[in-house]
Amino acid sequence: MPTGTGADLEELLTRGDLTPVGRISGSSNGALLCVVGDPADEVLVIHKPEATERRLWDYPDGTLVARERAAFLVSEAGGFGVVPPTVLRDGPLGPGSVQLWVGPVTGEEEPLVDVVAPDEVPDGWYVVLEGESTLGEPVVVAHCAEPALRTVAVLDAALNNSDRKGSHLLRDGDVVRGCDHGVSLGVEPKLRTVLWGWAGEPVPDADLARLERLADSLATDLPGALEPLLTPDEVEALRRRVAALLRLRRHPGPRGGWPAIPWPAL
């Protein structure tokens, strides 16, 4: 990790030499693992080219990488610190997003969300879904109760994130990072997440303060930064969601007419 300010890191991600070193297995959008910078300060990043985006029925074509950048700006504006630094730039396949890689390359770390047998749920975890394994054995999807993960759930509600899988959650010291926000920030309510454990509970004071900071930014400079990335209706919908969260002061619950949990959940 290079030293310096967040602005220095964004400059490196934007201006540094971008070199692919592998393809992300299972990615539906042709994501590439790359290095940015020279050997003295290079970092690992995820590069998502706009040209390889999968066509979706509910999001305009060619907008997913812009939503990745917009989610980062929203996270930073509220002081959530959830979305890793993300920029837009040209790459080997044309324009796309570049996001700082977080966590081990092997993916071997203590899970925040897991699929386990009902009698193996760790103490204090929330069960959000019951089902069966491919062998017909009962299993549940559950997530831990860490405050840092709860902050992700609050940001997801503001972002209207429609694809919060367990594999999109990464430990980064005392912080929990979230990645893959290409299908977020739409106008219609589409929150789909594995983090329903706090549904209906009061939002903690620290996260209310983050929402208030985000609301202040939406009343001043943030709309200008989001203008090249989202439609005016999408920015207004974001403002309304933040206002509703501050008014109700509770985590939202699942709504009818839309799947509550993405599949696969992890």
C-alpha atoms as a PDB file:
ATOM      1  CA  MET A   1       0.000   0.000   0.000  1.00  0.00           C
ATOM      2  CA  PRO A   2       1.483   3.348  -0.960  1.00  0.00           C
ATOM      3  CA  THR A   3       1.770   6.051   1.659  1.00  0.00           C
ATOM      4  CA  GLY A   4       0.126   9.461   1.356  1.00  0.00           C
ATOM      5  CA  THR A   5      -3.356  10.956   1.376  1.00  0.00           C
ATOM      6  CA  GLY A   6      -6.531   9.580  -0.150  1.00  0.00           C
ATOM      7  CA  ALA A   7      -6.083  12.100  -2.939  1.00  0.00           C
ATOM      8  CA  ASP A   8      -2.608  10.668  -3.601  1.00  0.00           C
ATOM      9  CA  LEU A   9      -4.069   7.165  -3.893  1.00  0.00           C
ATOM     10  CA  GLU A  10      -6.816   8.329  -6.242  1.00  0.00           C
ATOM     11  CA  GLU A  11      -4.169  10.022  -8.357  1.00  0.00           C
ATOM     12  CA  LEU A  12      -2.180   6.780  -8.498  1.00  0.00           C
ATOM     13  CA  LEU A  13      -5.280   4.771  -9.489  1.00  0.00           C
ATOM     14  CA  THR A  14      -6.143   7.343 -12.151  1.00  0.00           C
ATOM     15  CA  ARG A  15      -2.709   8.090 -13.629  1.00  0.00           C
ATOM     16  CA  GLY A  16      -0.543   5.057 -12.861  1.00  0.00           C
ATOM     17  CA  ASP A  17       0.245   2.415 -15.469  1.00  0.00           C
ATOM     18  CA  LEU A  18      -2.541  -0.196 -15.474  1.00  0.00           C
ATOM     19  CA  THR A  19      -1.323  -3.735 -16.156  1.00  0.00           C
ATOM     20  CA  PRO A  20      -3.649  -6.780 -16.163  1.00  0.00           C
ATOM     21  CA  VAL A  21      -2.291  -9.804 -14.286  1.00  0.00           C
ATOM     22  CA  GLY A  22      -5.349 -12.071 -14.259  1.00  0.00           C
ATOM     23  CA  ARG A  23      -9.094 -12.404 -14.734  1.00  0.00           C
ATOM     24  CA  ILE A  24     -11.483 -12.579 -11.779  1.00  0.00           C
ATOM     25  CA  SER A  25     -12.953 -16.090 -11.805  1.00  0.00           C
ATOM     26  CA  GLY A  26     -16.756 -16.064 -11.917  1.00  0.00           C
ATOM     27  CA  SER A  27     -17.069 -12.379 -12.742  1.00  0.00           C
ATOM     28  CA  SER A  28     -20.105 -11.685 -14.926  1.00  0.00           C
ATOM     29  CA  ASN A  29     -18.661  -8.399 -16.175  1.00  0.00           C
ATOM     30  CA  GLY A  30     -15.188  -9.408 -17.338  1.00  0.00           C
ATOM     31  CA  ALA A  31     -13.428  -7.960 -14.296  1.00  0.00           C
ATOM     32  CA  LEU A  32      -9.629  -8.020 -14.374  1.00  0.00           C
ATOM     33  CA  LEU A  33      -7.081  -8.168 -11.573  1.00  0.00           C
ATOM     34  CA  CYS A  34      -4.468  -5.541 -12.357  1.00  0.00           C
ATOM     35  CA  VAL A  35      -1.533  -3.698 -10.860  1.00  0.00           C
ATOM     36  CA  VAL A  36      -1.295   0.080 -10.998  1.00  0.00           C
ATOM     37  CA  GLY A  37       1.890   2.074 -10.668  1.00  0.00           C
ATOM     38  CA  ASP A  38       5.566   1.283 -10.908  1.00  0.00           C
ATOM     39  CA  PRO A  39       7.340  -1.381  -8.799  1.00  0.00           C
ATOM     40  CA  ALA A  40       8.097   1.166  -6.067  1.00  0.00           C
ATOM     41  CA  ASP A  41       4.449   1.910  -5.255  1.00  0.00           C
ATOM     42  CA  GLU A  42       2.261  -0.468  -7.278  1.00  0.00           C
ATOM     43  CA  VAL A  43      -1.032  -1.682  -5.822  1.00  0.00           C
ATOM     44  CA  LEU A  44      -3.502  -4.391  -6.752  1.00  0.00           C
ATOM     45  CA  VAL A  45      -6.819  -3.229  -8.213  1.00  0.00           C
ATOM     46  CA  ILE A  46      -9.986  -4.573  -9.781  1.00  0.00           C
ATOM     47  CA  HIS A  47     -10.607  -3.168 -13.257  1.00  0.00           C
ATOM     48  CA  LYS A  48     -14.098  -3.437 -14.753  1.00  0.00           C
ATOM     49  CA  PRO A  49     -14.200  -2.388 -18.412  1.00  0.00           C
ATOM     50  CA  GLU A  50     -17.415  -0.755 -19.589  1.00  0.00           C
ATOM     51  CA  ALA A  51     -17.132  -2.785 -22.820  1.00  0.00           C
ATOM     52  CA  THR A  52     -17.588  -6.101 -20.992  1.00  0.00           C
ATOM     53  CA  GLU A  53     -20.545  -5.109 -18.826  1.00  0.00           C
ATOM     54  CA  ARG A  54     -23.361  -7.641 -18.858  1.00  0.00           C
ATOM     55  CA  ARG A  55     -26.606  -6.226 -20.253  1.00  0.00           C
ATOM     56  CA  LEU A  56     -29.326  -5.878 -17.601  1.00  0.00           C
ATOM     57  CA  TRP A  57     -33.038  -5.292 -18.001  1.00  0.00           C
ATOM     58  CA  ASP A  58     -33.326  -2.802 -15.121  1.00  0.00           C
ATOM     59  CA  TYR A  59     -30.200  -0.627 -15.535  1.00  0.00           C
ATOM     60  CA  PRO A  60     -29.248   1.373 -18.639  1.00  0.00           C
ATOM     61  CA  ASP A  61     -26.418  -0.138 -20.662  1.00  0.00           C
ATOM     62  CA  GLY A  62     -22.966   1.262 -19.969  1.00  0.00           C
ATOM     63  CA  THR A  63     -23.811   2.747 -16.553  1.00  0.00           C
ATOM     64  CA  LEU A  64     -22.487   0.140 -14.118  1.00  0.00           C
ATOM     65  CA  VAL A  65     -18.920   1.417 -13.847  1.00  0.00           C
ATOM     66  CA  ALA A  66     -20.227   4.940 -13.212  1.00  0.00           C
ATOM     67  CA  ARG A  67     -22.319   3.559 -10.327  1.00  0.00           C
ATOM     68  CA  GLU A  68     -19.170   2.008  -8.863  1.00  0.00           C
ATOM     69  CA  ARG A  69     -17.581   5.456  -8.748  1.00  0.00           C
ATOM     70  CA  ALA A  70     -20.777   7.088  -7.469  1.00  0.00           C
ATOM     71  CA  ALA A  71     -21.038   4.587  -4.596  1.00  0.00           C
ATOM     72  CA  PHE A  72     -17.488   5.484  -3.547  1.00  0.00           C
ATOM     73  CA  LEU A  73     -18.307   9.204  -3.583  1.00  0.00           C
ATOM     74  CA  VAL A  74     -21.445   8.634  -1.481  1.00  0.00           C
ATOM     75  CA  SER A  75     -19.539   6.472   1.008  1.00  0.00           C
ATOM     76  CA  GLU A  76     -16.838   9.119   1.369  1.00  0.00           C
ATOM     77  CA  ALA A  77     -19.300  12.004   1.616  1.00  0.00           C
ATOM     78  CA  GLY A  78     -20.973  10.389   4.609  1.00  0.00           C
ATOM     79  CA  GLY A  79     -17.747   9.241   6.229  1.00  0.00           C
ATOM     80  CA  PHE A  80     -18.794   5.578   5.965  1.00  0.00           C
ATOM     81  CA  GLY A  81     -15.404   4.449   4.654  1.00  0.00           C
ATOM     82  CA  VAL A  82     -17.013   1.305   3.218  1.00  0.00           C
ATOM     83  CA  VAL A  83     -16.305   1.507  -0.524  1.00  0.00           C
ATOM     84  CA  PRO A  84     -12.598   1.204  -1.442  1.00  0.00           C
ATOM     85  CA  PRO A  85     -11.124   4.059  -3.507  1.00  0.00           C
ATOM     86  CA  THR A  86     -12.669   3.839  -6.977  1.00  0.00           C
ATOM     87  CA  VAL A  87     -11.935   5.897 -10.085  1.00  0.00           C
ATOM     88  CA  LEU A  88     -12.938   5.937 -13.734  1.00  0.00           C
ATOM     89  CA  ARG A  89     -10.218   5.760 -16.369  1.00  0.00           C
ATOM     90  CA  ASP A  90      -9.160   4.194 -19.638  1.00  0.00           C
ATOM     91  CA  GLY A  91      -7.771   0.669 -19.588  1.00  0.00           C
ATOM     92  CA  PRO A  92      -6.664  -1.956 -22.096  1.00  0.00           C
ATOM     93  CA  LEU A  93     -10.288  -2.437 -23.243  1.00  0.00           C
ATOM     94  CA  GLY A  94     -11.335   1.195 -23.074  1.00  0.00           C
ATOM     95  CA  PRO A  95     -13.072   3.152 -20.298  1.00  0.00           C
ATOM     96  CA  GLY A  96     -13.917   1.432 -17.035  1.00  0.00           C
ATOM     97  CA  SER A  97     -13.683   1.546 -13.257  1.00  0.00           C
ATOM     98  CA  VAL A  98     -10.583   0.843 -11.184  1.00  0.00           C
ATOM     99  CA  GLN A  99     -11.039  -0.039  -7.511  1.00  0.00           C
ATOM    100  CA  LEU A 100      -8.363  -0.701  -4.906  1.00  0.00           C
ATOM    101  CA  TRP A 101      -8.111  -4.398  -4.033  1.00  0.00           C
ATOM    102  CA  VAL A 102      -8.878  -5.074  -0.355  1.00  0.00           C
ATOM    103  CA  GLY A 103      -8.005  -8.201   1.595  1.00  0.00           C
ATOM    104  CA  PRO A 104      -5.884 -11.264   0.789  1.00  0.00           C
ATOM    105  CA  VAL A 105      -5.625 -12.426  -2.817  1.00  0.00           C
ATOM    106  CA  THR A 106      -6.407 -15.999  -1.736  1.00  0.00           C
ATOM    107  CA  GLY A 107      -9.744 -14.995  -0.182  1.00  0.00           C
ATOM    108  CA  GLU A 108      -8.891 -16.961   2.977  1.00  0.00           C
ATOM    109  CA  GLU A 109     -10.280 -14.939   5.878  1.00  0.00           C
ATOM    110  CA  GLU A 110     -12.838 -15.273   8.642  1.00  0.00           C
ATOM    111  CA  PRO A 111     -16.295 -14.933   7.051  1.00  0.00           C
ATOM    112  CA  LEU A 112     -18.758 -12.181   7.893  1.00  0.00           C
ATOM    113  CA  VAL A 113     -21.609 -14.084   6.242  1.00  0.00           C
ATOM    114  CA  ASP A 114     -21.823 -17.874   6.043  1.00  0.00           C
ATOM    115  CA  VAL A 115     -24.002 -20.838   5.109  1.00  0.00           C
ATOM    116  CA  VAL A 116     -24.049 -23.330   7.978  1.00  0.00           C
ATOM    117  CA  ALA A 117     -26.197 -26.016   9.582  1.00  0.00           C
ATOM    118  CA  PRO A 118     -28.851 -24.544  11.930  1.00  0.00           C
ATOM    119  CA  ASP A 119     -27.056 -25.881  15.017  1.00  0.00           C
ATOM    120  CA  GLU A 120     -23.721 -24.400  13.904  1.00  0.00           C
ATOM    121  CA  VAL A 121     -24.714 -20.714  13.826  1.00  0.00           C
ATOM    122  CA  PRO A 122     -22.091 -18.769  15.841  1.00  0.00           C
ATOM    123  CA  ASP A 123     -23.295 -17.064  19.007  1.00  0.00           C
ATOM    124  CA  GLY A 124     -24.746 -13.619  18.358  1.00  0.00           C
ATOM    125  CA  TRP A 125     -25.156 -14.104  14.605  1.00  0.00           C
ATOM    126  CA  TYR A 126     -28.387 -13.249  12.774  1.00  0.00           C
ATOM    127  CA  VAL A 127     -30.128 -15.888  10.657  1.00  0.00           C
ATOM    128  CA  VAL A 128     -31.641 -14.318   7.527  1.00  0.00           C
ATOM    129  CA  LEU A 129     -32.613 -17.318   5.394  1.00  0.00           C
ATOM    130  CA  GLU A 130     -33.418 -21.003   5.884  1.00  0.00           C
ATOM    131  CA  GLY A 131     -33.026 -23.583   3.138  1.00  0.00           C
ATOM    132  CA  GLU A 132     -31.569 -26.932   2.125  1.00  0.00           C
ATOM    133  CA  SER A 133     -28.208 -28.027   0.787  1.00  0.00           C
ATOM    134  CA  THR A 134     -27.845 -29.903  -2.492  1.00  0.00           C
ATOM    135  CA  LEU A 135     -28.080 -33.077  -0.379  1.00  0.00           C
ATOM    136  CA  GLY A 136     -31.390 -32.003   1.146  1.00  0.00           C
ATOM    137  CA  GLU A 137     -29.895 -31.134   4.523  1.00  0.00           C
ATOM    138  CA  PRO A 138     -31.145 -28.030   6.379  1.00  0.00           C
ATOM    139  CA  VAL A 139     -28.876 -24.963   6.195  1.00  0.00           C
ATOM    140  CA  VAL A 140     -29.189 -21.279   7.042  1.00  0.00           C
ATOM    141  CA  VAL A 141     -27.623 -18.061   5.775  1.00  0.00           C
ATOM    142  CA  ALA A 142     -26.408 -15.997   8.729  1.00  0.00           C
ATOM    143  CA  HIS A 143     -24.264 -12.931   9.323  1.00  0.00           C
ATOM    144  CA  CYS A 144     -22.286 -11.621  12.269  1.00  0.00           C
ATOM    145  CA  ALA A 145     -23.359  -8.670  14.415  1.00  0.00           C
ATOM    146  CA  GLU A 146     -20.211  -6.548  14.182  1.00  0.00           C
ATOM    147  CA  PRO A 147     -20.897  -2.780  14.268  1.00  0.00           C
ATOM    148  CA  ALA A 148     -18.667  -2.277  11.215  1.00  0.00           C
ATOM    149  CA  LEU A 149     -20.875  -4.664   9.226  1.00  0.00           C
ATOM    150  CA  ARG A 150     -23.954  -2.806  10.436  1.00  0.00           C
ATOM    151  CA  THR A 151     -22.499   0.378   8.955  1.00  0.00           C
ATOM    152  CA  VAL A 152     -22.390  -1.409   5.585  1.00  0.00           C
ATOM    153  CA  ALA A 153     -26.094  -2.266   5.965  1.00  0.00           C
ATOM    154  CA  VAL A 154     -26.929   1.404   6.575  1.00  0.00           C
ATOM    155  CA  LEU A 155     -24.952   2.545   3.541  1.00  0.00           C
ATOM    156  CA  ASP A 156     -26.589  -0.166   1.409  1.00  0.00           C
ATOM    157  CA  ALA A 157     -30.014   1.173   2.359  1.00  0.00           C
ATOM    158  CA  ALA A 158     -28.960   4.642   1.221  1.00  0.00           C
ATOM    159  CA  LEU A 159     -27.429   3.268  -2.000  1.00  0.00           C
ATOM    160  CA  ASN A 160     -30.447   1.064  -2.776  1.00  0.00           C
ATOM    161  CA  ASN A 161     -27.947  -1.759  -3.327  1.00  0.00           C
ATOM    162  CA  SER A 162     -29.644  -4.597  -5.186  1.00  0.00           C
ATOM    163  CA  ASP A 163     -26.843  -7.159  -4.924  1.00  0.00           C
ATOM    164  CA  ARG A 164     -25.194  -7.317  -1.492  1.00  0.00           C
ATOM    165  CA  LYS A 165     -23.771 -10.839  -1.458  1.00  0.00           C
ATOM    166  CA  GLY A 166     -21.618 -12.202   1.357  1.00  0.00           C
ATOM    167  CA  SER A 167     -18.600 -12.405  -0.942  1.00  0.00           C
ATOM    168  CA  HIS A 168     -18.814  -8.633  -1.495  1.00  0.00           C
ATOM    169  CA  LEU A 169     -17.869  -8.000   2.154  1.00  0.00           C
ATOM    170  CA  LEU A 170     -14.200  -7.776   3.132  1.00  0.00           C
ATOM    171  CA  ARG A 171     -12.341  -7.144   6.361  1.00  0.00           C
ATOM    172  CA  ASP A 172      -9.839  -4.285   6.260  1.00  0.00           C
ATOM    173  CA  GLY A 173      -8.458  -3.952   9.783  1.00  0.00           C
ATOM    174  CA  ASP A 174     -11.288  -2.724  12.011  1.00  0.00           C
ATOM    175  CA  VAL A 175     -13.350  -1.670   8.984  1.00  0.00           C
ATOM    176  CA  VAL A 176     -15.626  -3.794   6.811  1.00  0.00           C
ATOM    177  CA  ARG A 177     -15.379  -2.871   3.157  1.00  0.00           C
ATOM    178  CA  GLY A 178     -18.010  -3.528   0.527  1.00  0.00           C
ATOM    179  CA  CYS A 179     -17.367  -3.927  -3.182  1.00  0.00           C
ATOM    180  CA  ASP A 180     -19.385  -4.487  -6.380  1.00  0.00           C
ATOM    181  CA  HIS A 181     -21.861  -1.583  -6.416  1.00  0.00           C
ATOM    182  CA  GLY A 182     -22.625  -1.552 -10.134  1.00  0.00           C
ATOM    183  CA  VAL A 183     -26.293  -2.386  -9.550  1.00  0.00           C
ATOM    184  CA  SER A 184     -27.069   0.301  -7.008  1.00  0.00           C
ATOM    185  CA  LEU A 185     -28.396   3.872  -6.891  1.00  0.00           C
ATOM    186  CA  GLY A 186     -31.471   3.187  -9.023  1.00  0.00           C
ATOM    187  CA  VAL A 187     -34.732   5.061  -8.515  1.00  0.00           C
ATOM    188  CA  GLU A 188     -37.129   2.174  -7.786  1.00  0.00           C
ATOM    189  CA  PRO A 189     -36.709   0.494  -4.359  1.00  0.00           C
ATOM    190  CA  LYS A 190     -34.582  -2.607  -4.985  1.00  0.00           C
ATOM    191  CA  LEU A 191     -32.652  -3.282  -1.781  1.00  0.00           C
ATOM    192  CA  ARG A 192     -31.511  -6.904  -1.970  1.00  0.00           C
ATOM    193  CA  THR A 193     -29.031  -8.020   0.649  1.00  0.00           C
ATOM    194  CA  VAL A 194     -27.871 -10.746   3.011  1.00  0.00           C
ATOM    195  CA  LEU A 195     -27.721  -8.173   5.853  1.00  0.00           C
ATOM    196  CA  TRP A 196     -31.351  -8.221   7.019  1.00  0.00           C
ATOM    197  CA  GLY A 197     -30.498  -9.139  10.613  1.00  0.00           C
ATOM    198  CA  TRP A 198     -31.038  -5.578  11.856  1.00  0.00           C
ATOM    199  CA  ALA A 199     -34.330  -4.996   9.987  1.00  0.00           C
ATOM    200  CA  GLY A 200     -36.635  -2.825  12.096  1.00  0.00           C
ATOM    201  CA  GLU A 201     -33.993  -2.062  14.723  1.00  0.00           C
ATOM    202  CA  PRO A 202     -32.946   1.526  15.528  1.00  0.00           C
ATOM    203  CA  VAL A 203     -29.974   2.782  13.521  1.00  0.00           C
ATOM    204  CA  PRO A 204     -26.997   3.357  15.877  1.00  0.00           C
ATOM    205  CA  ASP A 205     -26.076   6.954  16.683  1.00  0.00           C
ATOM    206  CA  ALA A 206     -22.729   6.696  14.876  1.00  0.00           C
ATOM    207  CA  ASP A 207     -24.467   5.656  11.662  1.00  0.00           C
ATOM    208  CA  LEU A 208     -27.142   8.334  12.073  1.00  0.00           C
ATOM    209  CA  ALA A 209     -24.300  10.866  12.239  1.00  0.00           C
ATOM    210  CA  ARG A 210     -22.941   9.461   8.968  1.00  0.00           C
ATOM    211  CA  LEU A 211     -26.368   9.782   7.354  1.00  0.00           C
ATOM    212  CA  GLU A 212     -26.635  13.382   8.585  1.00  0.00           C
ATOM    213  CA  ARG A 213     -23.227  14.163   7.104  1.00  0.00           C
ATOM    214  CA  LEU A 214     -24.344  12.581   3.824  1.00  0.00           C
ATOM    215  CA  ALA A 215     -27.566  14.621   3.857  1.00  0.00           C
ATOM    216  CA  ASP A 216     -25.538  17.806   4.355  1.00  0.00           C
ATOM    217  CA  SER A 217     -23.296  16.899   1.420  1.00  0.00           C
ATOM    218  CA  LEU A 218     -26.339  16.185  -0.754  1.00  0.00           C
ATOM    219  CA  ALA A 219     -27.528  19.699   0.030  1.00  0.00           C
ATOM    220  CA  THR A 220     -24.221  21.233  -1.053  1.00  0.00           C
ATOM    221  CA  ASP A 221     -21.455  19.772  -3.222  1.00  0.00           C
ATOM    222  CA  LEU A 222     -22.212  16.062  -3.727  1.00  0.00           C
ATOM    223  CA  PRO A 223     -24.863  16.468  -6.480  1.00  0.00           C
ATOM    224  CA  GLY A 224     -22.301  18.239  -8.650  1.00  0.00           C
ATOM    225  CA  ALA A 225     -19.846  15.375  -8.238  1.00  0.00           C
ATOM    226  CA  LEU A 226     -22.580  12.828  -9.041  1.00  0.00           C
ATOM    227  CA  GLU A 227     -23.934  14.712 -12.069  1.00  0.00           C
ATOM    228  CA  PRO A 228     -21.654  12.974 -14.632  1.00  0.00           C
ATOM    229  CA  LEU A 229     -22.417   9.566 -13.096  1.00  0.00           C
ATOM    230  CA  LEU A 230     -26.155   9.430 -12.335  1.00  0.00           C
ATOM    231  CA  THR A 231     -29.366  10.915 -13.682  1.00  0.00           C
ATOM    232  CA  PRO A 232     -31.037  13.806 -11.826  1.00  0.00           C
ATOM    233  CA  ASP A 233     -33.846  11.414 -10.817  1.00  0.00           C
ATOM    234  CA  GLU A 234     -31.314   8.979  -9.337  1.00  0.00           C
ATOM    235  CA  VAL A 235     -29.650  11.734  -7.301  1.00  0.00           C
ATOM    236  CA  GLU A 236     -33.038  12.912  -6.064  1.00  0.00           C
ATOM    237  CA  ALA A 237     -33.988   9.326  -5.135  1.00  0.00           C
ATOM    238  CA  LEU A 238     -30.752   9.066  -3.132  1.00  0.00           C
ATOM    239  CA  ARG A 239     -31.626  12.269  -1.314  1.00  0.00           C
ATOM    240  CA  ARG A 240     -35.105  10.947  -0.496  1.00  0.00           C
ATOM    241  CA  ARG A 241     -33.754   7.621   0.810  1.00  0.00           C
ATOM    242  CA  VAL A 242     -31.310   9.380   3.117  1.00  0.00           C
ATOM    243  CA  ALA A 243     -34.039  11.703   4.369  1.00  0.00           C
ATOM    244  CA  ALA A 244     -36.342   8.726   5.038  1.00  0.00           C
ATOM    245  CA  LEU A 245     -33.647   6.870   6.970  1.00  0.00           C
ATOM    246  CA  LEU A 246     -33.048   9.949   9.124  1.00  0.00           C
ATOM    247  CA  ARG A 247     -36.767  10.423   9.690  1.00  0.00           C
ATOM    248  CA  LEU A 248     -37.519   6.799  10.628  1.00  0.00           C
ATOM    249  CA  ARG A 249     -34.160   6.162  12.332  1.00  0.00           C
ATOM    250  CA  ARG A 250     -34.569   2.422  11.795  1.00  0.00           C
ATOM    251  CA  HIS A 251     -33.085  -0.170   9.464  1.00  0.00           C
ATOM    252  CA  PRO A 252     -35.516  -0.919   6.619  1.00  0.00           C
ATOM    253  CA  GLY A 253     -37.065  -4.330   6.139  1.00  0.00           C
ATOM    254  CA  PRO A 254     -37.708  -6.348   2.977  1.00  0.00           C
ATOM    255  CA  ARG A 255     -40.400  -5.049   0.617  1.00  0.00           C
ATOM    256  CA  GLY A 256     -42.825  -7.104  -1.404  1.00  0.00           C
ATOM    257  CA  GLY A 257     -42.508  -7.416  -5.168  1.00  0.00           C
ATOM    258  CA  TRP A 258     -38.720  -7.767  -5.232  1.00  0.00           C
ATOM    259  CA  PRO A 259     -36.445 -10.636  -4.078  1.00  0.00           C
ATOM    260  CA  ALA A 260     -35.099  -9.769  -0.636  1.00  0.00           C
ATOM    261  CA  ILE A 261     -31.873 -11.788  -0.862  1.00  0.00           C
ATOM    262  CA  PRO A 262     -29.527 -12.171  -3.855  1.00  0.00           C
ATOM    263  CA  TRP A 263     -28.774 -15.654  -5.104  1.00  0.00           C
ATOM    264  CA  PRO A 264     -26.320 -17.145  -4.641  1.00  0.00           C
ATOM    265  CA  ALA A 265     -26.215 -15.485  -1.229  1.00  0.00           C
ATOM    266  CA  LEU A 266     -22.432 -15.724  -1.069  1.00  0.00           C
END
